[in-house]
Protein backbone atom coordinates (compact mmCIF):
# COMPACT_ATOMS: atom_id res chain seq x y z
CA MET A 1 0.29 0.12 -0.05
CA THR A 2 1.09 3.76 -0.81
CA GLN A 3 2.22 5.17 2.54
CA ILE A 4 3.14 9.03 3.09
CA ASP A 5 5.84 9.29 5.46
CA TYR A 6 5.27 12.54 6.86
CA TYR A 7 8.51 14.10 8.96
CA LEU A 8 7.81 16.86 11.56
CA SER A 9 8.36 18.42 14.68
CA PRO A 10 5.53 19.85 16.86
CA ILE A 11 7.54 22.65 17.71
CA SER A 12 8.05 23.56 14.20
CA PRO A 13 5.80 26.89 13.04
CA TRP A 14 5.54 25.29 9.56
CA THR A 15 3.88 22.03 10.96
CA HIS A 16 1.15 24.07 12.65
CA MET A 17 0.70 25.66 9.35
CA ALA A 18 0.27 22.17 7.36
CA GLY A 19 -2.71 21.55 10.11
CA THR A 20 -4.82 18.76 9.17
CA ARG A 21 -4.05 18.86 5.62
CA PRO A 22 -1.57 15.90 5.17
CA ALA A 23 -4.39 13.59 6.88
CA GLU A 24 -6.82 15.30 4.69
CA ILE A 25 -4.84 14.48 1.53
CA ALA A 26 -3.75 10.96 2.93
CA ALA A 27 -7.83 10.25 3.31
CA ARG A 28 -8.71 11.51 -0.13
CA ALA A 29 -5.68 9.65 -1.69
CA GLY A 30 -6.99 6.57 0.49
CA VAL A 31 -3.17 5.87 1.51
CA ALA A 32 -1.42 5.56 4.60
CA LEU A 33 0.15 8.48 6.61
CA ARG A 34 2.85 7.11 8.87
CA TYR A 35 3.95 10.51 11.45
CA LYS A 36 7.88 10.54 11.88
CA PRO A 37 8.76 13.08 14.39
CA VAL A 38 12.51 14.26 14.15
CA ASP A 39 14.44 16.09 16.47
CA PRO A 40 15.07 19.55 14.32
CA THR A 41 18.33 20.54 15.76
CA ALA A 42 19.92 17.15 14.88
CA LEU A 43 18.31 17.07 11.57
CA PHE A 44 20.09 20.47 10.53
CA GLN A 45 23.19 19.41 12.15
CA ARG A 46 23.07 16.10 10.25
CA THR A 47 22.19 17.96 6.91
CA GLY A 48 23.61 21.54 6.81
CA GLY A 49 20.88 23.37 8.15
CA LYS A 50 20.99 26.08 10.82
CA VAL A 51 18.83 26.39 13.50
CA LEU A 52 16.96 29.61 14.13
CA ALA A 53 19.18 31.06 16.71
CA GLU A 54 22.26 30.85 14.25
CA ARG A 55 20.77 32.25 11.10
CA HIS A 56 21.36 35.67 9.69
CA GLU A 57 19.09 38.25 10.93
CA SER A 58 17.49 38.95 7.32
CA ARG A 59 16.55 35.41 7.07
CA LYS A 60 14.69 35.55 10.96
CA ALA A 61 12.67 38.91 9.79
CA TYR A 62 11.66 37.07 6.45
CA ARG A 63 10.76 34.12 8.30
CA LEU A 64 8.44 36.04 10.37
CA GLN A 65 7.02 37.71 7.25
CA GLU A 66 6.21 34.46 5.27
CA LEU A 67 4.50 33.10 8.93
CA ALA A 68 1.93 35.93 9.23
CA ARG A 69 1.49 35.56 5.28
CA TRP A 70 0.62 31.75 5.34
CA SER A 71 -1.17 32.75 8.77
CA GLU A 72 -3.66 34.98 6.48
CA ARG A 73 -3.50 32.70 3.70
CA LEU A 74 -4.66 29.74 5.64
CA GLY A 75 -6.81 31.52 8.07
CA LEU A 76 -5.05 29.87 10.61
CA PRO A 77 -3.94 31.90 13.93
CA ILE A 78 -0.36 31.95 14.87
CA LYS A 79 1.77 34.10 17.67
CA LEU A 80 4.75 35.03 15.67
CA GLN A 81 6.89 35.04 18.90
CA PRO A 82 5.15 32.61 21.36
CA ALA A 83 6.30 32.60 25.25
CA TRP A 84 7.23 28.68 24.65
CA PHE A 85 9.61 28.75 21.73
CA PRO A 86 11.90 27.42 21.49
CA THR A 87 11.06 24.49 24.01
CA ASN A 88 12.27 20.93 23.77
CA PRO A 89 10.00 19.09 21.17
CA ALA A 90 10.92 15.19 22.21
CA PRO A 91 8.42 14.93 25.27
CA ALA A 92 5.37 15.80 22.69
CA SER A 93 7.34 13.67 19.80
CA TYR A 94 7.38 10.73 22.17
CA ALA A 95 3.71 11.22 22.85
CA ILE A 96 2.80 11.30 19.12
CA ILE A 97 4.77 8.12 18.55
CA ALA A 98 3.51 6.36 21.35
CA ALA A 99 0.04 7.47 20.46
CA GLN A 100 0.34 5.92 16.83
CA GLU A 101 2.09 3.02 17.88
CA THR A 102 -0.99 2.57 20.30
CA GLY A 103 -3.74 3.87 18.24
CA GLY A 104 -7.28 4.65 19.19
CA GLY A 105 -7.51 8.41 18.90
CA ASP A 106 -6.69 10.95 16.22
CA LEU A 107 -3.29 11.34 15.31
CA SER A 108 -3.85 14.38 12.92
CA ALA A 109 -5.92 15.88 15.93
CA LEU A 110 -3.12 15.38 18.37
CA VAL A 111 -0.57 17.08 16.20
CA THR A 112 -2.79 19.89 15.34
CA ALA A 113 -3.24 20.11 19.49
CA LEU A 114 0.23 20.16 20.23
CA THR A 115 0.98 22.85 17.51
CA ARG A 116 -1.70 24.80 18.64
CA ALA A 117 -0.51 24.70 21.87
CA CYS A 118 2.60 26.29 20.91
CA TRP A 119 1.77 28.67 18.58
CA GLU A 120 -1.82 29.56 19.39
CA GLU A 121 -2.04 29.48 23.06
CA GLU A 122 1.78 30.17 23.96
CA ARG A 123 1.83 26.63 26.44
CA ASN A 124 4.85 24.99 27.16
CA ILE A 125 4.73 21.54 24.81
CA ALA A 126 7.57 20.02 26.99
CA GLU A 127 5.23 20.08 29.82
CA ASP A 128 3.37 16.79 31.47
CA ASP A 129 0.07 18.55 31.74
CA VAL A 130 0.18 20.13 28.41
CA ILE A 131 0.59 16.79 26.66
CA ARG A 132 -1.78 14.69 28.75
CA ASP A 133 -4.64 17.81 27.56
CA CYS A 134 -3.83 16.98 24.19
CA LEU A 135 -3.55 13.32 24.11
CA SER A 136 -6.98 13.45 25.97
CA GLY A 137 -8.52 16.03 23.49
CA ALA A 138 -7.56 13.86 20.45
CA GLY A 139 -8.96 10.68 21.94
CA PHE A 140 -6.03 8.90 23.52
CA ASP A 141 -5.10 7.45 26.99
CA PRO A 142 -3.74 10.90 28.57
CA ALA A 143 -1.01 8.13 30.33
CA LEU A 144 0.60 7.83 27.41
CA ALA A 145 2.46 10.94 28.18
CA PHE A 146 4.49 8.97 30.93
CA SER A 147 3.88 5.39 29.83
CA GLY A 148 4.97 5.88 26.24
CA MET A 149 8.15 7.48 27.08
CA LEU A 150 10.21 4.90 26.83
CA GLN A 151 8.62 3.68 23.35
CA GLY A 152 9.15 7.09 22.15
CA ALA A 153 12.51 7.47 23.05
CA GLU A 154 13.64 4.32 21.22
CA ILE A 155 11.92 5.28 17.92
CA TYR A 156 12.80 9.10 17.66
CA PRO A 157 16.16 8.59 17.12
CA ARG A 158 15.24 5.82 14.66
CA ASN A 159 13.24 8.40 12.71
CA LEU A 160 15.91 10.84 12.27
CA GLU A 161 18.00 7.92 10.81
CA ASP A 162 15.11 7.23 8.43
CA ALA A 163 14.92 10.94 7.35
CA ILE A 164 18.96 11.14 6.81
CA ALA A 165 18.72 8.11 4.75
CA ALA A 166 15.52 9.53 2.98
CA ASP A 167 17.33 12.41 2.20
CA VAL A 168 15.09 14.91 4.28
CA PHE A 169 16.68 18.00 5.48
CA GLY A 170 13.74 20.07 6.55
CA LEU A 171 10.41 19.84 8.34
CA PRO A 172 7.78 19.24 7.47
CA PHE A 173 8.87 17.16 5.02
CA PHE A 174 6.95 14.15 3.00
CA LYS A 175 7.80 11.05 1.26
CA VAL A 176 5.89 9.04 -1.14
CA GLY A 177 8.44 6.67 -2.30
CA GLU A 178 11.15 8.54 -3.74
CA ALA A 179 9.24 11.57 -4.25
CA SER A 180 10.18 14.43 -1.71
CA PHE A 181 7.82 17.20 -0.79
CA TRP A 182 9.61 19.93 1.49
CA GLY A 183 7.09 22.20 3.45
CA GLN A 184 3.82 22.81 4.09
CA ASP A 185 3.52 24.83 1.07
CA ARG A 186 4.10 21.83 -1.25
CA LEU A 187 1.07 20.00 -0.24
CA ASP A 188 -0.90 20.57 -3.24
CA PHE A 189 2.16 19.05 -5.37
CA LEU A 190 1.87 16.08 -2.62
CA ALA A 191 -1.85 15.86 -3.62
CA ALA A 192 -1.34 16.14 -7.43
CA HIS A 193 1.19 13.26 -6.74
CA LEU A 194 -1.46 11.12 -5.30
CA GLY A 195 -3.99 12.16 -7.96
CA VAL A 196 -6.37 13.85 -5.42
CA ALA A 197 -7.67 17.39 -5.48
CA VAL A 198 -6.57 19.78 -2.99
């Protein structure tokens, strides 16, 4: 069966901008969507990218303009400089991994809730209570915030190695076989590749 490998980080504003569209495209195309949270700092270090703090001021300024434009285009609210960014994305990533492995809820809703918590609600997605709230709201057992930590900690670094092997260098990133689509602004191309309307 065709599968979309969705490399993401819940701390990325561009994952927030992707919203529910990856899941909607996968559903329309009748393909599986596999969420693969990745440590963005480690990914950038391995592939020649730079974390935000190390980028030139012109790039930082342009990023804010682009986020504001996409927020308006998509009708998706965003705080451009939220109180809890950056924060450690690993605990929220572990929760996504554990939820996917366990099942029983809506993964798209979980990812959306976590990114919304950071980029709209200015909550710290490294905190257990925030993660539990997001898990519960998406139909998962909130106890996964604790019980899924070991499983998440095992799979999270494997996702990074998978990303490197798949030539992933930024987030969000979508792979369908050998076809690559970098960024939420390439979701139209992903849909077209799968033969569905946006």
